[in-house]
Amino acid sequence: MSYTRLFIQVKCEPGFADEVGAQIVDQIDEVLEVYSTTGSYDLLVKAKLADVQKMAPIVQGKLHKIGHIRETNTFLSFSVFGRDIGEFVS
Protein backbone atom coordinates (compact mmCIF):
# COMPACT_ATOMS: atom_id res chain seq x y z
CA MET A 1 0.00 0.00 0.00
CA SER A 2 1.32 3.46 -0.81
CA TYR A 3 0.90 6.37 1.55
CA THR A 4 0.75 10.12 1.08
CA ARG A 5 2.86 12.14 3.48
CA LEU A 6 1.12 14.95 5.32
CA PHE A 7 3.18 17.75 6.87
CA ILE A 8 1.62 20.17 9.35
CA GLN A 9 3.28 23.23 10.82
CA VAL A 10 1.93 24.01 14.28
CA LYS A 11 2.11 27.35 16.09
CA CYS A 12 1.60 26.94 19.85
CA GLU A 13 0.83 29.28 22.69
CA PRO A 14 4.14 30.41 24.27
CA GLY A 15 5.66 27.78 26.54
CA PHE A 16 3.49 24.88 25.35
CA ALA A 17 5.37 23.44 22.35
CA ASP A 18 6.79 20.43 24.24
CA GLU A 19 3.42 19.58 25.77
CA VAL A 20 1.60 19.94 22.44
CA GLY A 21 4.20 17.86 20.61
CA ALA A 22 3.90 15.04 23.14
CA GLN A 23 0.10 15.12 22.94
CA ILE A 24 0.17 14.97 19.13
CA VAL A 25 2.37 11.85 19.19
CA ASP A 26 0.26 10.21 21.92
CA GLN A 27 -3.18 11.01 20.50
CA ILE A 28 -2.87 10.77 16.71
CA ASP A 29 -1.99 7.30 15.41
CA GLU A 30 -1.22 8.53 11.89
CA VAL A 31 1.61 10.76 13.14
CA LEU A 32 5.07 9.39 12.39
CA GLU A 33 7.22 12.17 13.87
CA VAL A 34 6.99 15.61 15.44
CA TYR A 35 9.94 18.01 15.20
CA SER A 36 10.58 21.11 17.28
CA THR A 37 11.55 23.86 14.81
CA THR A 38 12.77 27.43 14.56
CA GLY A 39 10.90 30.11 12.63
CA SER A 40 7.27 31.17 12.59
CA TYR A 41 5.96 27.76 13.68
CA ASP A 42 6.97 25.75 16.74
CA LEU A 43 6.43 22.20 15.49
CA LEU A 44 6.53 20.24 12.25
CA VAL A 45 4.31 17.15 12.23
CA LYS A 46 4.84 14.33 9.73
CA ALA A 47 1.93 11.94 9.25
CA LYS A 48 0.97 9.26 6.77
CA LEU A 49 -2.32 9.00 4.93
CA ALA A 50 -3.59 5.85 3.23
CA ASP A 51 -6.35 8.01 1.74
CA VAL A 52 -6.29 11.78 1.15
CA GLN A 53 -9.92 11.89 2.29
CA LYS A 54 -8.62 11.12 5.81
CA MET A 55 -6.81 14.48 5.99
CA ALA A 56 -9.76 16.47 7.38
CA PRO A 57 -10.53 13.96 10.15
CA ILE A 58 -6.87 14.03 11.22
CA VAL A 59 -6.36 17.80 11.06
CA GLN A 60 -9.79 19.07 12.06
CA GLY A 61 -11.04 16.09 14.03
CA LYS A 62 -7.92 15.26 16.03
CA LEU A 63 -5.18 17.91 15.83
CA HIS A 64 -7.38 20.98 16.26
CA LYS A 65 -8.87 19.47 19.43
CA ILE A 66 -5.49 19.53 21.20
CA GLY A 67 -5.19 22.53 23.50
CA HIS A 68 -2.69 25.39 23.22
CA ILE A 69 -2.52 25.31 19.40
CA ARG A 70 -2.87 28.77 17.87
CA GLU A 71 -2.50 28.01 14.16
CA THR A 72 -1.71 25.22 11.68
CA ASN A 73 -0.46 25.14 8.10
CA THR A 74 -0.92 21.88 6.18
CA PHE A 75 0.95 20.43 3.17
CA LEU A 76 0.68 17.20 1.18
CA SER A 77 3.79 15.63 -0.34
CA PHE A 78 3.73 14.55 -3.99
CA SER A 79 7.14 12.84 -4.06
CA VAL A 80 10.18 12.04 -1.94
CA PHE A 81 13.66 12.85 -3.23
CA GLY A 82 16.87 11.57 -1.68
CA ARG A 83 17.19 9.24 1.29
CA ASP A 84 16.14 9.35 4.90
CA ILE A 85 18.95 10.80 7.02
CA GLY A 86 18.14 8.51 9.94
CA GLU A 87 18.13 9.33 13.62
CA PHE A 88 18.73 12.88 14.79
CA VAL A 89 21.15 13.50 17.61
CA SER A 90 19.35 15.07 20.54
PDB file of N, CA and C in Angstrom:
ATOM      1  N   MET A   1       0.844  -1.178   0.000  1.00  0.00           N
ATOM      2  CA  MET A   1       0.000   0.000   0.000  1.00  0.00           C
ATOM      3  C   MET A   1       0.891   1.244   0.000  1.00  0.00           C
ATOM      4  N   SER A   2       0.555   2.201  -0.812  1.00  0.00           N
ATOM      5  CA  SER A   2       1.322   3.457  -0.814  1.00  0.00           C
ATOM      6  C   SER A   2       0.611   4.483   0.063  1.00  0.00           C
ATOM      7  N   TYR A   3       1.411   5.344   0.648  1.00  0.00           N
ATOM      8  CA  TYR A   3       0.900   6.372   1.545  1.00  0.00           C
ATOM      9  C   TYR A   3       1.270   7.747   1.025  1.00  0.00           C
ATOM     10  N   THR A   4       0.441   8.716   1.329  1.00  0.00           N
ATOM     11  CA  THR A   4       0.750  10.123   1.080  1.00  0.00           C
ATOM     12  C   THR A   4       1.272  10.689   2.388  1.00  0.00           C
ATOM     13  N   ARG A   5       2.327  11.487   2.296  1.00  0.00           N
ATOM     14  CA  ARG A   5       2.865  12.139   3.481  1.00  0.00           C
ATOM     15  C   ARG A   5       2.157  13.467   3.686  1.00  0.00           C
ATOM     16  N   LEU A   6       1.773  13.710   4.915  1.00  0.00           N
ATOM     17  CA  LEU A   6       1.118  14.947   5.321  1.00  0.00           C
ATOM     18  C   LEU A   6       2.057  15.665   6.274  1.00  0.00           C
ATOM     19  N   PHE A   7       2.334  16.938   5.999  1.00  0.00           N
ATOM     20  CA  PHE A   7       3.177  17.751   6.873  1.00  0.00           C
ATOM     21  C   PHE A   7       2.326  18.891   7.410  1.00  0.00           C
ATOM     22  N   ILE A   8       2.416  19.119   8.709  1.00  0.00           N
ATOM     23  CA  ILE A   8       1.617  20.172   9.346  1.00  0.00           C
ATOM     24  C   ILE A   8       2.532  21.014  10.225  1.00  0.00           C
ATOM     25  N   GLN A   9       2.579  22.307   9.940  1.00  0.00           N
ATOM     26  CA  GLN A   9       3.282  23.232  10.816  1.00  0.00           C
ATOM     27  C   GLN A   9       2.303  23.642  11.904  1.00  0.00           C
ATOM     28  N   VAL A  10       2.787  23.692  13.143  1.00  0.00           N
ATOM     29  CA  VAL A  10       1.928  24.007  14.280  1.00  0.00           C
ATOM     30  C   VAL A  10       2.523  25.175  15.055  1.00  0.00           C
ATOM     31  N   LYS A  11       1.721  26.210  15.247  1.00  0.00           N
ATOM     32  CA  LYS A  11       2.108  27.345  16.092  1.00  0.00           C
ATOM     33  C   LYS A  11       1.380  27.178  17.422  1.00  0.00           C
ATOM     34  N   CYS A  12       2.147  27.172  18.513  1.00  0.00           N
ATOM     35  CA  CYS A  12       1.597  26.936  19.846  1.00  0.00           C
ATOM     36  C   CYS A  12       1.561  28.222  20.658  1.00  0.00           C
ATOM     37  N   GLU A  13       0.770  28.204  21.712  1.00  0.00           N
ATOM     38  CA  GLU A  13       0.833  29.284  22.687  1.00  0.00           C
ATOM     39  C   GLU A  13       2.217  29.232  23.332  1.00  0.00           C
ATOM     40  N   PRO A  14       2.794  30.389  23.681  1.00  0.00           N
ATOM     41  CA  PRO A  14       4.135  30.410  24.266  1.00  0.00           C
ATOM     42  C   PRO A  14       4.272  29.469  25.465  1.00  0.00           C
ATOM     43  N   GLY A  15       5.362  28.685  25.438  1.00  0.00           N
ATOM     44  CA  GLY A  15       5.661  27.784  26.540  1.00  0.00           C
ATOM     45  C   GLY A  15       5.001  26.419  26.467  1.00  0.00           C
ATOM     46  N   PHE A  16       4.229  26.135  25.421  1.00  0.00           N
ATOM     47  CA  PHE A  16       3.487  24.882  25.354  1.00  0.00           C
ATOM     48  C   PHE A  16       3.917  23.948  24.227  1.00  0.00           C
ATOM     49  N   ALA A  17       4.976  24.264  23.501  1.00  0.00           N
ATOM     50  CA  ALA A  17       5.370  23.441  22.348  1.00  0.00           C
ATOM     51  C   ALA A  17       5.690  21.999  22.746  1.00  0.00           C
ATOM     52  N   ASP A  18       6.440  21.801  23.825  1.00  0.00           N
ATOM     53  CA  ASP A  18       6.787  20.432  24.238  1.00  0.00           C
ATOM     54  C   ASP A  18       5.545  19.637  24.617  1.00  0.00           C
ATOM     55  N   GLU A  19       4.655  20.254  25.366  1.00  0.00           N
ATOM     56  CA  GLU A  19       3.422  19.579  25.772  1.00  0.00           C
ATOM     57  C   GLU A  19       2.556  19.228  24.563  1.00  0.00           C
ATOM     58  N   VAL A  20       2.411  20.179  23.643  1.00  0.00           N
ATOM     59  CA  VAL A  20       1.602  19.945  22.442  1.00  0.00           C
ATOM     60  C   VAL A  20       2.217  18.846  21.587  1.00  0.00           C
ATOM     61  N   GLY A  21       3.531  18.895  21.398  1.00  0.00           N
ATOM     62  CA  GLY A  21       4.205  17.862  20.608  1.00  0.00           C
ATOM     63  C   GLY A  21       3.985  16.472  21.180  1.00  0.00           C
ATOM     64  N   ALA A  22       4.114  16.343  22.488  1.00  0.00           N
ATOM     65  CA  ALA A  22       3.901  15.043  23.141  1.00  0.00           C
ATOM     66  C   ALA A  22       2.457  14.573  22.980  1.00  0.00           C
ATOM     67  N   GLN A  23       1.506  15.489  23.097  1.00  0.00           N
ATOM     68  CA  GLN A  23       0.097  15.116  22.935  1.00  0.00           C
ATOM     69  C   GLN A  23      -0.196  14.674  21.509  1.00  0.00           C
ATOM     70  N   ILE A  24       0.391  15.349  20.540  1.00  0.00           N
ATOM     71  CA  ILE A  24       0.172  14.972  19.133  1.00  0.00           C
ATOM     72  C   ILE A  24       0.634  13.541  18.895  1.00  0.00           C
ATOM     73  N   VAL A  25       1.832  13.206  19.369  1.00  0.00           N
ATOM     74  CA  VAL A  25       2.366  11.854  19.195  1.00  0.00           C
ATOM     75  C   VAL A  25       1.498  10.824  19.916  1.00  0.00           C
ATOM     76  N   ASP A  26       1.051  11.144  21.118  1.00  0.00           N
ATOM     77  CA  ASP A  26       0.260  10.209  21.920  1.00  0.00           C
ATOM     78  C   ASP A  26      -1.162  10.014  21.407  1.00  0.00           C
ATOM     79  N   GLN A  27      -1.755  11.059  20.822  1.00  0.00           N
ATOM     80  CA  GLN A  27      -3.183  11.015  20.503  1.00  0.00           C
ATOM     81  C   GLN A  27      -3.520  10.769  19.036  1.00  0.00           C
ATOM     82  N   ILE A  28      -2.557  10.912  18.138  1.00  0.00           N
ATOM     83  CA  ILE A  28      -2.871  10.775  16.713  1.00  0.00           C
ATOM     84  C   ILE A  28      -2.035   9.638  16.123  1.00  0.00           C
ATOM     85  N   ASP A  29      -2.681   8.507  15.874  1.00  0.00           N
ATOM     86  CA  ASP A  29      -1.986   7.300  15.412  1.00  0.00           C
ATOM     87  C   ASP A  29      -1.274   7.483  14.072  1.00  0.00           C
ATOM     88  N   GLU A  30      -1.803   8.339  13.221  1.00  0.00           N
ATOM     89  CA  GLU A  30      -1.219   8.529  11.889  1.00  0.00           C
ATOM     90  C   GLU A  30       0.094   9.321  11.913  1.00  0.00           C
ATOM     91  N   VAL A  31       0.405   9.947  13.031  1.00  0.00           N
ATOM     92  CA  VAL A  31       1.612  10.763  13.144  1.00  0.00           C
ATOM     93  C   VAL A  31       2.841   9.865  13.247  1.00  0.00           C
ATOM     94  N   LEU A  32       3.816  10.131  12.389  1.00  0.00           N
ATOM     95  CA  LEU A  32       5.070   9.395  12.391  1.00  0.00           C
ATOM     96  C   LEU A  32       6.113  10.074  13.265  1.00  0.00           C
ATOM     97  N   GLU A  33       6.197  11.408  13.152  1.00  0.00           N
ATOM     98  CA  GLU A  33       7.216  12.173  13.867  1.00  0.00           C
ATOM     99  C   GLU A  33       6.715  13.588  14.108  1.00  0.00           C
ATOM    100  N   VAL A  34       7.232  14.196  15.168  1.00  0.00           N
ATOM    101  CA  VAL A  34       6.993  15.614  15.439  1.00  0.00           C
ATOM    102  C   VAL A  34       8.351  16.241  15.731  1.00  0.00           C
ATOM    103  N   TYR A  35       8.662  17.316  15.028  1.00  0.00           N
ATOM    104  CA  TYR A  35       9.939  18.011  15.200  1.00  0.00           C
ATOM    105  C   TYR A  35       9.703  19.372  15.826  1.00  0.00           C
ATOM    106  N   SER A  36      10.546  19.756  16.754  1.00  0.00           N
ATOM    107  CA  SER A  36      10.580  21.112  17.279  1.00  0.00           C
ATOM    108  C   SER A  36      11.401  21.929  16.280  1.00  0.00           C
ATOM    109  N   THR A  37      10.892  23.098  15.866  1.00  0.00           N
ATOM    110  CA  THR A  37      11.551  23.861  14.807  1.00  0.00           C
ATOM    111  C   THR A  37      11.748  25.325  15.191  1.00  0.00           C
ATOM    112  N   THR A  38      12.615  25.987  14.441  1.00  0.00           N
ATOM    113  CA  THR A  38      12.770  27.429  14.556  1.00  0.00           C
ATOM    114  C   THR A  38      11.858  28.083  13.529  1.00  0.00           C
ATOM    115  N   GLY A  39      11.693  29.386  13.617  1.00  0.00           N
ATOM    116  CA  GLY A  39      10.896  30.107  12.633  1.00  0.00           C
ATOM    117  C   GLY A  39       9.523  30.471  13.159  1.00  0.00           C
ATOM    118  N   SER A  40       8.615  30.693  12.248  1.00  0.00           N
ATOM    119  CA  SER A  40       7.274  31.167  12.589  1.00  0.00           C
ATOM    120  C   SER A  40       6.414  30.119  13.283  1.00  0.00           C
ATOM    121  N   TYR A  41       6.729  28.851  13.073  1.00  0.00           N
ATOM    122  CA  TYR A  41       5.962  27.758  13.685  1.00  0.00           C
ATOM    123  C   TYR A  41       6.849  27.018  14.671  1.00  0.00           C
ATOM    124  N   ASP A  42       6.236  26.426  15.678  1.00  0.00           N
ATOM    125  CA  ASP A  42       6.968  25.746  16.743  1.00  0.00           C
ATOM    126  C   ASP A  42       7.250  24.275  16.456  1.00  0.00           C
ATOM    127  N   LEU A  43       6.332  23.629  15.732  1.00  0.00           N
ATOM    128  CA  LEU A  43       6.428  22.197  15.491  1.00  0.00           C
ATOM    129  C   LEU A  43       6.185  21.874  14.029  1.00  0.00           C
ATOM    130  N   LEU A  44       6.806  20.794  13.567  1.00  0.00           N
ATOM    131  CA  LEU A  44       6.529  20.242  12.246  1.00  0.00           C
ATOM    132  C   LEU A  44       6.106  18.799  12.454  1.00  0.00           C
ATOM    133  N   VAL A  45       4.887  18.490  12.050  1.00  0.00           N
ATOM    134  CA  VAL A  45       4.308  17.154  12.225  1.00  0.00           C
ATOM    135  C   VAL A  45       4.361  16.426  10.891  1.00  0.00           C
ATOM    136  N   LYS A  46       4.828  15.184  10.922  1.00  0.00           N
ATOM    137  CA  LYS A  46       4.839  14.333   9.733  1.00  0.00           C
ATOM    138  C   LYS A  46       3.889  13.180   9.994  1.00  0.00           C
ATOM    139  N   ALA A  47       2.919  13.004   9.107  1.00  0.00           N
ATOM    140  CA  ALA A  47       1.928  11.936   9.251  1.00  0.00           C
ATOM    141  C   ALA A  47       1.789  11.194   7.934  1.00  0.00           C
ATOM    142  N   LYS A  48       1.209  10.016   7.999  1.00  0.00           N
ATOM    143  CA  LYS A  48       0.971   9.256   6.770  1.00  0.00           C
ATOM    144  C   LYS A  48      -0.529   9.078   6.564  1.00  0.00           C
ATOM    145  N   LEU A  49      -0.910   9.156   5.302  1.00  0.00           N
ATOM    146  CA  LEU A  49      -2.317   9.000   4.930  1.00  0.00           C
ATOM    147  C   LEU A  49      -2.444   7.866   3.924  1.00  0.00           C
ATOM    148  N   ALA A  50      -3.291   6.896   4.201  1.00  0.00           N
ATOM    149  CA  ALA A  50      -3.591   5.854   3.227  1.00  0.00           C
ATOM    150  C   ALA A  50      -4.570   6.392   2.189  1.00  0.00           C
ATOM    151  N   ASP A  51      -5.323   7.415   2.581  1.00  0.00           N
ATOM    152  CA  ASP A  51      -6.352   8.006   1.735  1.00  0.00           C
ATOM    153  C   ASP A  51      -6.399   9.506   2.017  1.00  0.00           C
ATOM    154  N   VAL A  52      -6.295  10.325   0.991  1.00  0.00           N
ATOM    155  CA  VAL A  52      -6.295  11.783   1.154  1.00  0.00           C
ATOM    156  C   VAL A  52      -7.587  12.264   1.822  1.00  0.00           C
ATOM    157  N   GLN A  53      -8.654  11.523   1.662  1.00  0.00           N
ATOM    158  CA  GLN A  53      -9.922  11.890   2.293  1.00  0.00           C
ATOM    159  C   GLN A  53      -9.839  11.843   3.823  1.00  0.00           C
ATOM    160  N   LYS A  54      -8.804  11.210   4.355  1.00  0.00           N
ATOM    161  CA  LYS A  54      -8.619  11.122   5.812  1.00  0.00           C
ATOM    162  C   LYS A  54      -7.940  12.368   6.380  1.00  0.00           C
ATOM    163  N   MET A  55      -7.527  13.305   5.514  1.00  0.00           N
ATOM    164  CA  MET A  55      -6.812  14.483   5.986  1.00  0.00           C
ATOM    165  C   MET A  55      -7.677  15.335   6.913  1.00  0.00           C
ATOM    166  N   ALA A  56      -8.896  15.638   6.538  1.00  0.00           N
ATOM    167  CA  ALA A  56      -9.761  16.470   7.377  1.00  0.00           C
ATOM    168  C   ALA A  56     -10.025  15.841   8.741  1.00  0.00           C
ATOM    169  N   PRO A  57     -10.337  14.539   8.826  1.00  0.00           N
ATOM    170  CA  PRO A  57     -10.535  13.959  10.152  1.00  0.00           C
ATOM    171  C   PRO A  57      -9.279  14.022  11.033  1.00  0.00           C
ATOM    172  N   ILE A  58      -8.105  13.945  10.434  1.00  0.00           N
ATOM    173  CA  ILE A  58      -6.870  14.028  11.224  1.00  0.00           C
ATOM    174  C   ILE A  58      -6.631  15.462  11.676  1.00  0.00           C
ATOM    175  N   VAL A  59      -6.679  16.406  10.736  1.00  0.00           N
ATOM    176  CA  VAL A  59      -6.356  17.802  11.065  1.00  0.00           C
ATOM    177  C   VAL A  59      -7.474  18.442  11.884  1.00  0.00           C
ATOM    178  N   GLN A  60      -8.680  18.402  11.379  1.00  0.00           N
ATOM    179  CA  GLN A  60      -9.786  19.071  12.063  1.00  0.00           C
ATOM    180  C   GLN A  60     -10.361  18.248  13.202  1.00  0.00           C
ATOM    181  N   GLY A  61     -10.418  16.937  13.032  1.00  0.00           N
ATOM    182  CA  GLY A  61     -11.044  16.088  14.025  1.00  0.00           C
ATOM    183  C   GLY A  61     -10.154  15.708  15.190  1.00  0.00           C
ATOM    184  N   LYS A  62      -8.843  15.678  14.966  1.00  0.00           N
ATOM    185  CA  LYS A  62      -7.923  15.262  16.027  1.00  0.00           C
ATOM    186  C   LYS A  62      -6.976  16.386  16.439  1.00  0.00           C
ATOM    187  N   LEU A  63      -6.206  16.913  15.498  1.00  0.00           N
ATOM    188  CA  LEU A  63      -5.180  17.906  15.829  1.00  0.00           C
ATOM    189  C   LEU A  63      -5.771  19.181  16.420  1.00  0.00           C
ATOM    190  N   HIS A  64      -6.801  19.715  15.799  1.00  0.00           N
ATOM    191  CA  HIS A  64      -7.384  20.977  16.260  1.00  0.00           C
ATOM    192  C   HIS A  64      -8.073  20.864  17.618  1.00  0.00           C
ATOM    193  N   LYS A  65      -8.263  19.656  18.110  1.00  0.00           N
ATOM    194  CA  LYS A  65      -8.870  19.471  19.431  1.00  0.00           C
ATOM    195  C   LYS A  65      -7.831  19.485  20.554  1.00  0.00           C
ATOM    196  N   ILE A  66      -6.547  19.476  20.194  1.00  0.00           N
ATOM    197  CA  ILE A  66      -5.488  19.528  21.203  1.00  0.00           C
ATOM    198  C   ILE A  66      -5.329  20.972  21.656  1.00  0.00           C
ATOM    199  N   GLY A  67      -5.274  21.181  22.955  1.00  0.00           N
ATOM    200  CA  GLY A  67      -5.185  22.526  23.504  1.00  0.00           C
ATOM    201  C   GLY A  67      -3.859  23.211  23.229  1.00  0.00           C
ATOM    202  N   HIS A  68      -3.872  24.527  23.325  1.00  0.00           N
ATOM    203  CA  HIS A  68      -2.689  25.387  23.221  1.00  0.00           C
ATOM    204  C   HIS A  68      -2.128  25.489  21.804  1.00  0.00           C
ATOM    205  N   ILE A  69      -2.926  25.116  20.793  1.00  0.00           N
ATOM    206  CA  ILE A  69      -2.522  25.311  19.396  1.00  0.00           C
ATOM    207  C   ILE A  69      -3.180  26.590  18.905  1.00  0.00           C
ATOM    208  N   ARG A  70      -2.362  27.497  18.383  1.00  0.00           N
ATOM    209  CA  ARG A  70      -2.868  28.772  17.869  1.00  0.00           C
ATOM    210  C   ARG A  70      -3.197  28.712  16.384  1.00  0.00           C
ATOM    211  N   GLU A  71      -2.382  27.975  15.627  1.00  0.00           N
ATOM    212  CA  GLU A  71      -2.499  28.008  14.162  1.00  0.00           C
ATOM    213  C   GLU A  71      -1.833  26.774  13.571  1.00  0.00           C
ATOM    214  N   THR A  72      -2.353  26.306  12.424  1.00  0.00           N
ATOM    215  CA  THR A  72      -1.706  25.225  11.684  1.00  0.00           C
ATOM    216  C   THR A  72      -1.612  25.594  10.214  1.00  0.00           C
ATOM    217  N   ASN A  73      -0.671  24.967   9.534  1.00  0.00           N
ATOM    218  CA  ASN A  73      -0.465  25.141   8.100  1.00  0.00           C
ATOM    219  C   ASN A  73      -0.159  23.755   7.546  1.00  0.00           C
ATOM    220  N   THR A  74      -0.971  23.278   6.616  1.00  0.00           N
ATOM    221  CA  THR A  74      -0.924  21.880   6.179  1.00  0.00           C
ATOM    222  C   THR A  74      -0.448  21.744   4.740  1.00  0.00           C
ATOM    223  N   PHE A  75       0.408  20.725   4.501  1.00  0.00           N
ATOM    224  CA  PHE A  75       0.951  20.432   3.174  1.00  0.00           C
ATOM    225  C   PHE A  75       0.837  18.944   2.897  1.00  0.00           C
ATOM    226  N   LEU A  76       0.588  18.587   1.637  1.00  0.00           N
ATOM    227  CA  LEU A  76       0.682  17.199   1.179  1.00  0.00           C
ATOM    228  C   LEU A  76       1.944  17.057   0.340  1.00  0.00           C
ATOM    229  N   SER A  77       2.582  15.907   0.435  1.00  0.00           N
ATOM    230  CA  SER A  77       3.785  15.632  -0.344  1.00  0.00           C
ATOM    231  C   SER A  77       3.423  14.840  -1.590  1.00  0.00           C
ATOM    232  N   PHE A  78       3.944  15.284  -2.738  1.00  0.00           N
ATOM    233  CA  PHE A  78       3.733  14.553  -3.992  1.00  0.00           C
ATOM    234  C   PHE A  78       4.768  13.446  -4.162  1.00  0.00           C
ATOM    235  N   SER A  79       6.030  13.762  -3.838  1.00  0.00           N
ATOM    236  CA  SER A  79       7.142  12.839  -4.065  1.00  0.00           C
ATOM    237  C   SER A  79       8.192  13.011  -2.982  1.00  0.00           C
ATOM    238  N   VAL A  80       9.038  11.987  -2.849  1.00  0.00           N
ATOM    239  CA  VAL A  80      10.177  12.043  -1.940  1.00  0.00           C
ATOM    240  C   VAL A  80      11.437  11.961  -2.786  1.00  0.00           C
ATOM    241  N   PHE A  81      12.377  12.854  -2.537  1.00  0.00           N
ATOM    242  CA  PHE A  81      13.659  12.849  -3.232  1.00  0.00           C
ATOM    243  C   PHE A  81      14.758  12.590  -2.218  1.00  0.00           C
ATOM    244  N   GLY A  82      15.761  11.843  -2.594  1.00  0.00           N
ATOM    245  CA  GLY A  82      16.865  11.566  -1.682  1.00  0.00           C
ATOM    246  C   GLY A  82      16.538  10.419  -0.743  1.00  0.00           C
ATOM    247  N   ARG A  83      17.345  10.324   0.326  1.00  0.00           N
ATOM    248  CA  ARG A  83      17.190   9.238   1.286  1.00  0.00           C
ATOM    249  C   ARG A  83      16.944   9.805   2.673  1.00  0.00           C
ATOM    250  N   ASP A  84      16.352   8.981   3.511  1.00  0.00           N
ATOM    251  CA  ASP A  84      16.136   9.345   4.901  1.00  0.00           C
ATOM    252  C   ASP A  84      17.495   9.503   5.564  1.00  0.00           C
ATOM    253  N   ILE A  85      17.655  10.556   6.365  1.00  0.00           N
ATOM    254  CA  ILE A  85      18.946  10.796   7.020  1.00  0.00           C
ATOM    255  C   ILE A  85      19.093  10.034   8.324  1.00  0.00           C
ATOM    256  N   GLY A  86      18.053   9.335   8.732  1.00  0.00           N
ATOM    257  CA  GLY A  86      18.141   8.511   9.936  1.00  0.00           C
ATOM    258  C   GLY A  86      17.859   9.276  11.207  1.00  0.00           C
ATOM    259  N   GLU A  87      18.372   8.763  12.302  1.00  0.00           N
ATOM    260  CA  GLU A  87      18.129   9.328  13.619  1.00  0.00           C
ATOM    261  C   GLU A  87      18.809  10.676  13.785  1.00  0.00           C
ATOM    262  N   PHE A  88      18.124  11.609  14.409  1.00  0.00           N
ATOM    263  CA  PHE A  88      18.734  12.875  14.789  1.00  0.00           C
ATOM    264  C   PHE A  88      19.437  12.701  16.122  1.00  0.00           C
ATOM    265  N   VAL A  89      20.462  13.488  16.320  1.00  0.00           N
ATOM    266  CA  VAL A  89      21.150  13.502  17.610  1.00  0.00           C
ATOM    267  C   VAL A  89      20.455  14.518  18.471  1.00  0.00           C
ATOM    268  N   SER A  90      20.055  14.122  19.681  1.00  0.00           N
ATOM    269  CA  SER A  90      19.347  15.070  20.542  1.00  0.00           C
ATOM    270  C   SER A  90      20.297  15.780  21.475  1.00  0.00           C
TER     271      SER A  90
END
